[in-house]
């Protein structure tokens, strides 16, 4: 992934996070941006509820103490490789995103 595409992906995560109405909990939802649209899908993966629109998938549960990589891996298993992922903070860097997406080739 080039620096430009990483910036675009990080921007997509930020935009998707801002597009969400205020959650019913204090923490920020976790956001994954799939390479391919998962629009209209809602599911539970490894105990985490995800809701997807045409831009991104967001958690619907409070994950303040959750397993970031586990949740990212579970999302990848359901929607395929991600362009970007954020666990309520900065977007994953290329190394962490690659570790998350690694499960896609094993599915």
C-alpha atoms as a PDB file:
ATOM      1  CA  UNK A   1       0.000   0.000   0.000  1.00  0.00           C
ATOM      2  CA  UNK A   2       1.421   3.397  -0.908  1.00  0.00           C
ATOM      3  CA  UNK A   3       1.560   6.357   1.463  1.00  0.00           C
ATOM      4  CA  UNK A   4      -1.176   8.033  -0.551  1.00  0.00           C
ATOM      5  CA  UNK A   5      -3.523   5.036  -0.278  1.00  0.00           C
ATOM      6  CA  UNK A   6      -2.756   4.760   3.458  1.00  0.00           C
ATOM      7  CA  UNK A   7      -3.737   8.416   3.888  1.00  0.00           C
ATOM      8  CA  UNK A   8      -6.908   7.826   1.899  1.00  0.00           C
ATOM      9  CA  UNK A   9      -7.739   4.764   3.989  1.00  0.00           C
ATOM     10  CA  UNK A  10      -7.080   6.647   7.230  1.00  0.00           C
ATOM     11  CA  UNK A  11      -9.308   9.441   5.956  1.00  0.00           C
ATOM     12  CA  UNK A  12     -12.028   6.920   5.130  1.00  0.00           C
ATOM     13  CA  UNK A  13     -11.854   5.550   8.685  1.00  0.00           C
ATOM     14  CA  UNK A  14     -12.084   9.059  10.110  1.00  0.00           C
ATOM     15  CA  UNK A  15     -14.974  10.003   7.832  1.00  0.00           C
ATOM     16  CA  UNK A  16     -16.843   6.793   8.608  1.00  0.00           C
ATOM     17  CA  UNK A  17     -16.375   7.395  12.328  1.00  0.00           C
ATOM     18  CA  UNK A  18     -17.760  10.918  12.043  1.00  0.00           C
ATOM     19  CA  UNK A  19     -20.731   9.754   9.985  1.00  0.00           C
ATOM     20  CA  UNK A  20     -22.016   7.652  12.874  1.00  0.00           C
ATOM     21  CA  UNK A  21     -24.632   9.125  15.184  1.00  0.00           C
ATOM     22  CA  UNK A  22     -23.511   9.428  18.806  1.00  0.00           C
ATOM     23  CA  UNK A  23     -23.190   5.898  20.185  1.00  0.00           C
ATOM     24  CA  UNK A  24     -25.085   4.762  23.264  1.00  0.00           C
ATOM     25  CA  UNK A  25     -21.784   4.340  25.104  1.00  0.00           C
ATOM     26  CA  UNK A  26     -18.903   6.627  25.974  1.00  0.00           C
ATOM     27  CA  UNK A  27     -16.158   4.942  23.939  1.00  0.00           C
ATOM     28  CA  UNK A  28     -15.584   5.450  20.225  1.00  0.00           C
ATOM     29  CA  UNK A  29     -16.793   2.652  17.933  1.00  0.00           C
ATOM     30  CA  UNK A  30     -14.186   0.559  16.195  1.00  0.00           C
ATOM     31  CA  UNK A  31     -14.207   0.945  12.407  1.00  0.00           C
ATOM     32  CA  UNK A  32     -13.059  -1.293   9.579  1.00  0.00           C
ATOM     33  CA  UNK A  33     -13.064  -0.260   5.923  1.00  0.00           C
ATOM     34  CA  UNK A  34     -13.401  -3.367   3.717  1.00  0.00           C
ATOM     35  CA  UNK A  35     -11.773  -3.541   0.278  1.00  0.00           C
ATOM     36  CA  UNK A  36     -15.190  -4.603  -1.062  1.00  0.00           C
ATOM     37  CA  UNK A  37     -18.498  -3.140   0.098  1.00  0.00           C
ATOM     38  CA  UNK A  38     -20.305  -4.980   2.890  1.00  0.00           C
ATOM     39  CA  UNK A  39     -23.250  -2.553   2.773  1.00  0.00           C
ATOM     40  CA  UNK A  40     -26.368  -3.616   4.614  1.00  0.00           C
ATOM     41  CA  UNK A  41     -24.683  -6.375   6.591  1.00  0.00           C
ATOM     42  CA  UNK A  42     -25.014  -6.733  10.356  1.00  0.00           C
ATOM     43  CA  UNK A  43     -23.497  -9.629  12.262  1.00  0.00           C
ATOM     44  CA  UNK A  44     -21.791 -10.807  15.431  1.00  0.00           C
ATOM     45  CA  UNK A  45     -18.201 -11.996  15.017  1.00  0.00           C
ATOM     46  CA  UNK A  46     -16.340 -13.316  18.065  1.00  0.00           C
ATOM     47  CA  UNK A  47     -18.860 -11.654  20.385  1.00  0.00           C
ATOM     48  CA  UNK A  48     -18.635  -8.243  18.695  1.00  0.00           C
ATOM     49  CA  UNK A  49     -21.663  -6.738  16.911  1.00  0.00           C
ATOM     50  CA  UNK A  50     -20.776  -5.069  13.588  1.00  0.00           C
ATOM     51  CA  UNK A  51     -23.010  -2.964  11.309  1.00  0.00           C
ATOM     52  CA  UNK A  52     -21.815  -2.116   7.803  1.00  0.00           C
ATOM     53  CA  UNK A  53     -22.822   0.575   5.328  1.00  0.00           C
ATOM     54  CA  UNK A  54     -21.389   1.372   1.885  1.00  0.00           C
ATOM     55  CA  UNK A  55     -18.285   2.998   3.432  1.00  0.00           C
ATOM     56  CA  UNK A  56     -17.342   1.000   6.517  1.00  0.00           C
ATOM     57  CA  UNK A  57     -18.257  -1.462   9.257  1.00  0.00           C
ATOM     58  CA  UNK A  58     -18.602  -0.184  12.832  1.00  0.00           C
ATOM     59  CA  UNK A  59     -18.958  -1.873  16.176  1.00  0.00           C
ATOM     60  CA  UNK A  60     -22.262  -1.589  17.949  1.00  0.00           C
ATOM     61  CA  UNK A  61     -20.920  -2.603  21.340  1.00  0.00           C
ATOM     62  CA  UNK A  62     -18.569  -1.004  23.843  1.00  0.00           C
ATOM     63  CA  UNK A  63     -15.097  -2.415  23.240  1.00  0.00           C
ATOM     64  CA  UNK A  64     -13.067  -0.228  25.596  1.00  0.00           C
ATOM     65  CA  UNK A  65     -11.295  -3.299  27.009  1.00  0.00           C
ATOM     66  CA  UNK A  66     -11.600  -5.501  23.913  1.00  0.00           C
ATOM     67  CA  UNK A  67      -9.025  -7.429  21.924  1.00  0.00           C
ATOM     68  CA  UNK A  68      -8.266  -5.142  18.965  1.00  0.00           C
ATOM     69  CA  UNK A  69      -6.456  -7.648  16.762  1.00  0.00           C
ATOM     70  CA  UNK A  70      -8.986 -10.384  17.555  1.00  0.00           C
ATOM     71  CA  UNK A  71     -11.872  -8.115  16.565  1.00  0.00           C
ATOM     72  CA  UNK A  72     -10.036  -7.029  13.412  1.00  0.00           C
ATOM     73  CA  UNK A  73      -9.334 -10.673  12.482  1.00  0.00           C
ATOM     74  CA  UNK A  74     -12.984 -11.621  13.099  1.00  0.00           C
ATOM     75  CA  UNK A  75     -14.146  -8.771  10.862  1.00  0.00           C
ATOM     76  CA  UNK A  76     -11.756  -9.846   8.086  1.00  0.00           C
ATOM     77  CA  UNK A  77     -13.099 -13.401   8.292  1.00  0.00           C
ATOM     78  CA  UNK A  78     -16.635 -12.052   7.659  1.00  0.00           C
ATOM     79  CA  UNK A  79     -16.089  -9.280   5.074  1.00  0.00           C
ATOM     80  CA  UNK A  80     -12.668  -9.997   3.583  1.00  0.00           C
ATOM     81  CA  UNK A  81      -9.492  -7.878   3.666  1.00  0.00           C
ATOM     82  CA  UNK A  82      -9.659  -4.375   5.081  1.00  0.00           C
ATOM     83  CA  UNK A  83      -8.373  -1.149   3.564  1.00  0.00           C
ATOM     84  CA  UNK A  84      -8.177   0.410   7.061  1.00  0.00           C
ATOM     85  CA  UNK A  85      -8.989  -0.367  10.701  1.00  0.00           C
ATOM     86  CA  UNK A  86      -9.220   1.752  13.824  1.00  0.00           C
ATOM     87  CA  UNK A  87      -9.929   0.592  17.373  1.00  0.00           C
ATOM     88  CA  UNK A  88     -11.246   3.935  18.575  1.00  0.00           C
ATOM     89  CA  UNK A  89      -7.943   5.723  18.020  1.00  0.00           C
ATOM     90  CA  UNK A  90      -5.504   6.226  15.159  1.00  0.00           C
ATOM     91  CA  UNK A  91      -5.845   3.959  12.130  1.00  0.00           C
ATOM     92  CA  UNK A  92      -3.683   0.839  12.095  1.00  0.00           C
ATOM     93  CA  UNK A  93      -0.335   1.323  10.382  1.00  0.00           C
ATOM     94  CA  UNK A  94       0.629  -0.910   7.451  1.00  0.00           C
ATOM     95  CA  UNK A  95       2.303  -3.542   9.675  1.00  0.00           C
ATOM     96  CA  UNK A  96      -0.702  -3.935  11.998  1.00  0.00           C
ATOM     97  CA  UNK A  97      -3.181  -3.897   9.109  1.00  0.00           C
ATOM     98  CA  UNK A  98      -1.179  -6.633   7.346  1.00  0.00           C
ATOM     99  CA  UNK A  99      -1.282  -8.750  10.534  1.00  0.00           C
ATOM    100  CA  UNK A 100      -5.037  -8.292  10.677  1.00  0.00           C
ATOM    101  CA  UNK A 101      -5.572  -9.075   7.003  1.00  0.00           C
ATOM    102  CA  UNK A 102      -3.347 -12.173   7.185  1.00  0.00           C
ATOM    103  CA  UNK A 103      -6.338 -14.268   8.276  1.00  0.00           C
ATOM    104  CA  UNK A 104      -8.084 -13.550   4.958  1.00  0.00           C
ATOM    105  CA  UNK A 105      -5.701 -15.865   3.091  1.00  0.00           C
ATOM    106  CA  UNK A 106      -6.332 -18.615   5.679  1.00  0.00           C
ATOM    107  CA  UNK A 107     -10.136 -18.453   5.433  1.00  0.00           C
END
